[in-house]
Amino acid sequence: MANPKVAGTSPIKVSLEAGKTYAWCTCGESTNQPFCDGKHKGSGFAPKVWVADETKDVHLCTCKQTANPGFCDGAHKSL
């Protein structure tokens, strides 16, 4: 599998809602960053899908280099 495209160099703050399903873009090609819009099809990438366990604000990764898929861990600082 190829490396993902760096979609951005800073995280995006998102308000998650408890019980809602989210699909984080892993390929970097989505025009709806940080969420998946299906542009990965045929690339070998698949979105990271999860259900929020609580309502809270989080910072989602756009550089796609995070060690904690979906969530920013500061990896963008080394790009």
N, C-alpha and C. Protein backbone atom coordinates (compact mmCIF):
# COMPACT_ATOMS: atom_id res chain seq x y z
N MET A 1 0.84 -1.18 0.00
CA MET A 1 0.00 0.00 0.00
C MET A 1 0.89 1.24 0.00
N ALA A 2 0.52 2.22 -0.76
CA ALA A 2 1.25 3.48 -0.84
C ALA A 2 1.05 4.29 0.45
N ASN A 3 1.87 5.30 0.61
CA ASN A 3 1.71 6.20 1.74
C ASN A 3 0.52 7.13 1.49
N PRO A 4 -0.16 7.53 2.56
CA PRO A 4 -1.29 8.44 2.37
C PRO A 4 -0.81 9.84 1.98
N LYS A 5 -1.67 10.58 1.33
CA LYS A 5 -1.40 11.97 0.97
C LYS A 5 -1.52 12.81 2.24
N VAL A 6 -0.60 13.74 2.44
CA VAL A 6 -0.70 14.69 3.54
C VAL A 6 -1.77 15.71 3.14
N ALA A 7 -2.91 15.65 3.80
CA ALA A 7 -4.03 16.52 3.45
C ALA A 7 -3.92 17.88 4.13
N GLY A 8 -3.15 17.97 5.20
CA GLY A 8 -3.00 19.21 5.94
C GLY A 8 -1.86 19.10 6.92
N THR A 9 -1.43 20.23 7.45
CA THR A 9 -0.31 20.22 8.39
C THR A 9 -0.73 20.73 9.77
N SER A 10 -2.02 20.69 10.03
CA SER A 10 -2.52 21.00 11.37
C SER A 10 -3.83 20.23 11.56
N PRO A 11 -4.16 19.92 12.81
CA PRO A 11 -5.38 19.16 13.06
C PRO A 11 -6.63 20.03 12.87
N ILE A 12 -7.77 19.37 12.79
CA ILE A 12 -9.05 20.05 12.70
C ILE A 12 -9.84 19.73 13.97
N LYS A 13 -10.32 20.78 14.64
CA LYS A 13 -11.13 20.59 15.85
C LYS A 13 -12.54 20.19 15.43
N VAL A 14 -13.03 19.12 16.03
CA VAL A 14 -14.35 18.58 15.71
C VAL A 14 -15.10 18.31 17.00
N SER A 15 -16.38 18.59 17.01
CA SER A 15 -17.24 18.26 18.16
C SER A 15 -17.91 16.92 17.87
N LEU A 16 -17.52 15.90 18.62
CA LEU A 16 -18.11 14.57 18.47
C LEU A 16 -19.37 14.47 19.31
N GLU A 17 -20.33 13.70 18.82
CA GLU A 17 -21.57 13.46 19.55
C GLU A 17 -21.61 11.99 19.98
N ALA A 18 -21.88 11.75 21.25
CA ALA A 18 -21.97 10.38 21.77
C ALA A 18 -22.96 9.56 20.96
N GLY A 19 -22.54 8.35 20.57
CA GLY A 19 -23.40 7.43 19.84
C GLY A 19 -23.39 7.62 18.33
N LYS A 20 -22.78 8.68 17.85
CA LYS A 20 -22.73 8.94 16.40
C LYS A 20 -21.52 8.24 15.79
N THR A 21 -21.69 7.73 14.56
CA THR A 21 -20.62 7.04 13.84
C THR A 21 -19.85 8.04 12.99
N TYR A 22 -18.51 7.91 13.02
CA TYR A 22 -17.61 8.77 12.25
C TYR A 22 -16.69 7.91 11.40
N ALA A 23 -16.29 8.44 10.24
CA ALA A 23 -15.37 7.74 9.34
C ALA A 23 -14.24 8.70 8.98
N TRP A 24 -13.07 8.48 9.59
CA TRP A 24 -11.90 9.33 9.38
C TRP A 24 -11.17 8.89 8.11
N CYS A 25 -10.84 9.85 7.27
CA CYS A 25 -10.12 9.59 6.02
C CYS A 25 -8.69 9.13 6.33
N THR A 26 -8.29 7.99 5.77
CA THR A 26 -6.93 7.49 5.96
C THR A 26 -6.04 7.73 4.75
N CYS A 27 -6.65 8.00 3.59
CA CYS A 27 -5.87 8.15 2.35
C CYS A 27 -5.37 9.56 2.11
N GLY A 28 -6.05 10.55 2.68
CA GLY A 28 -5.68 11.95 2.48
C GLY A 28 -6.28 12.59 1.24
N GLU A 29 -7.07 11.85 0.49
CA GLU A 29 -7.63 12.36 -0.77
C GLU A 29 -9.02 13.00 -0.60
N SER A 30 -9.68 12.79 0.52
CA SER A 30 -11.02 13.30 0.72
C SER A 30 -11.05 14.83 0.65
N THR A 31 -12.08 15.37 0.03
CA THR A 31 -12.27 16.82 0.02
C THR A 31 -13.09 17.27 1.23
N ASN A 32 -13.46 16.31 2.07
CA ASN A 32 -14.24 16.58 3.28
C ASN A 32 -13.40 16.30 4.52
N GLN A 33 -12.14 16.71 4.51
CA GLN A 33 -11.22 16.43 5.63
C GLN A 33 -11.79 16.96 6.93
N PRO A 34 -11.61 16.19 8.00
CA PRO A 34 -10.84 14.97 8.15
C PRO A 34 -11.64 13.70 7.90
N PHE A 35 -12.85 13.86 7.36
CA PHE A 35 -13.74 12.72 7.17
C PHE A 35 -13.66 12.14 5.77
N CYS A 36 -14.01 10.88 5.66
CA CYS A 36 -13.97 10.14 4.40
C CYS A 36 -15.12 10.56 3.49
N ASP A 37 -14.82 10.71 2.19
CA ASP A 37 -15.87 10.96 1.20
C ASP A 37 -15.86 9.90 0.09
N GLY A 38 -15.10 8.81 0.31
CA GLY A 38 -15.09 7.70 -0.64
C GLY A 38 -14.02 7.75 -1.70
N LYS A 39 -13.19 8.78 -1.71
CA LYS A 39 -12.16 8.90 -2.74
C LYS A 39 -11.08 7.82 -2.66
N HIS A 40 -11.05 7.06 -1.57
CA HIS A 40 -10.07 5.99 -1.39
C HIS A 40 -10.36 4.76 -2.24
N LYS A 41 -11.54 4.66 -2.77
CA LYS A 41 -11.95 3.44 -3.48
C LYS A 41 -10.92 3.02 -4.53
N GLY A 42 -10.50 1.76 -4.46
CA GLY A 42 -9.52 1.21 -5.39
C GLY A 42 -8.08 1.49 -5.01
N SER A 43 -7.85 2.18 -3.89
CA SER A 43 -6.50 2.58 -3.51
C SER A 43 -5.85 1.64 -2.49
N GLY A 44 -6.62 0.77 -1.87
CA GLY A 44 -6.09 -0.07 -0.80
C GLY A 44 -6.30 0.55 0.57
N PHE A 45 -6.75 1.78 0.62
CA PHE A 45 -7.05 2.45 1.90
C PHE A 45 -8.53 2.23 2.24
N ALA A 46 -8.82 2.31 3.52
CA ALA A 46 -10.21 2.24 4.00
C ALA A 46 -10.31 3.21 5.17
N PRO A 47 -11.46 3.83 5.35
CA PRO A 47 -11.60 4.78 6.46
C PRO A 47 -11.54 4.08 7.81
N LYS A 48 -11.14 4.82 8.83
CA LYS A 48 -11.22 4.32 10.20
C LYS A 48 -12.58 4.75 10.71
N VAL A 49 -13.43 3.77 10.98
CA VAL A 49 -14.80 4.04 11.42
C VAL A 49 -14.91 3.74 12.91
N TRP A 50 -15.55 4.64 13.64
CA TRP A 50 -15.77 4.42 15.06
C TRP A 50 -17.04 5.14 15.51
N VAL A 51 -17.54 4.72 16.66
CA VAL A 51 -18.70 5.36 17.28
C VAL A 51 -18.18 6.12 18.50
N ALA A 52 -18.51 7.40 18.58
CA ALA A 52 -18.06 8.22 19.72
C ALA A 52 -18.71 7.71 21.00
N ASP A 53 -17.88 7.53 22.02
CA ASP A 53 -18.41 7.04 23.29
C ASP A 53 -18.89 8.16 24.20
N GLU A 54 -18.51 9.41 23.85
CA GLU A 54 -18.99 10.55 24.63
C GLU A 54 -19.01 11.80 23.74
N THR A 55 -19.76 12.78 24.16
CA THR A 55 -19.80 14.05 23.45
C THR A 55 -18.64 14.89 23.95
N LYS A 56 -17.77 15.30 23.00
CA LYS A 56 -16.61 16.10 23.39
C LYS A 56 -15.95 16.68 22.13
N ASP A 57 -15.11 17.67 22.34
CA ASP A 57 -14.31 18.24 21.27
C ASP A 57 -12.99 17.51 21.19
N VAL A 58 -12.56 17.19 19.97
CA VAL A 58 -11.29 16.51 19.74
C VAL A 58 -10.59 17.19 18.57
N HIS A 59 -9.30 16.90 18.41
CA HIS A 59 -8.53 17.38 17.27
C HIS A 59 -8.19 16.17 16.40
N LEU A 60 -8.75 16.16 15.18
CA LEU A 60 -8.53 15.05 14.28
C LEU A 60 -7.38 15.36 13.33
N CYS A 61 -6.60 14.35 13.04
CA CYS A 61 -5.40 14.45 12.22
C CYS A 61 -5.73 14.68 10.75
N THR A 62 -4.97 15.56 10.11
CA THR A 62 -5.09 15.75 8.66
C THR A 62 -3.81 15.37 7.93
N CYS A 63 -2.70 15.20 8.67
CA CYS A 63 -1.43 14.85 8.01
C CYS A 63 -1.35 13.36 7.70
N LYS A 64 -2.19 12.57 8.36
CA LYS A 64 -2.28 11.11 8.15
C LYS A 64 -1.04 10.36 8.64
N GLN A 65 -0.22 10.99 9.45
CA GLN A 65 1.00 10.37 9.97
C GLN A 65 0.86 9.98 11.44
N THR A 66 -0.29 10.21 12.05
CA THR A 66 -0.50 9.95 13.46
C THR A 66 -0.32 8.47 13.82
N ALA A 67 0.17 8.22 15.02
CA ALA A 67 0.28 6.85 15.54
C ALA A 67 -1.03 6.45 16.23
N ASN A 68 -1.96 7.39 16.36
CA ASN A 68 -3.26 7.16 16.99
C ASN A 68 -4.33 7.49 15.95
N PRO A 69 -4.53 6.60 14.96
CA PRO A 69 -5.37 6.91 13.80
C PRO A 69 -6.68 7.62 14.14
N GLY A 70 -6.85 8.73 13.44
CA GLY A 70 -7.99 9.59 13.63
C GLY A 70 -7.64 10.82 14.43
N PHE A 71 -6.89 10.63 15.48
CA PHE A 71 -6.63 11.70 16.43
C PHE A 71 -5.21 12.25 16.29
N CYS A 72 -5.10 13.57 16.38
CA CYS A 72 -3.80 14.21 16.25
C CYS A 72 -2.89 13.84 17.43
N ASP A 73 -1.65 13.48 17.10
CA ASP A 73 -0.66 13.21 18.14
C ASP A 73 0.57 14.11 17.97
N GLY A 74 0.44 15.13 17.11
CA GLY A 74 1.55 16.07 16.88
C GLY A 74 2.50 15.66 15.80
N ALA A 75 2.23 14.56 15.09
CA ALA A 75 3.12 14.08 14.03
C ALA A 75 3.34 15.14 12.94
N HIS A 76 2.37 16.01 12.73
CA HIS A 76 2.48 17.04 11.70
C HIS A 76 3.65 17.99 11.95
N LYS A 77 4.10 18.08 13.19
CA LYS A 77 5.20 19.00 13.53
C LYS A 77 6.53 18.56 12.94
N SER A 78 6.63 17.27 12.55
CA SER A 78 7.89 16.77 12.00
C SER A 78 7.88 16.70 10.48
N LEU A 79 6.84 17.22 9.85
CA LEU A 79 6.76 17.19 8.38
C LEU A 79 7.55 18.33 7.76
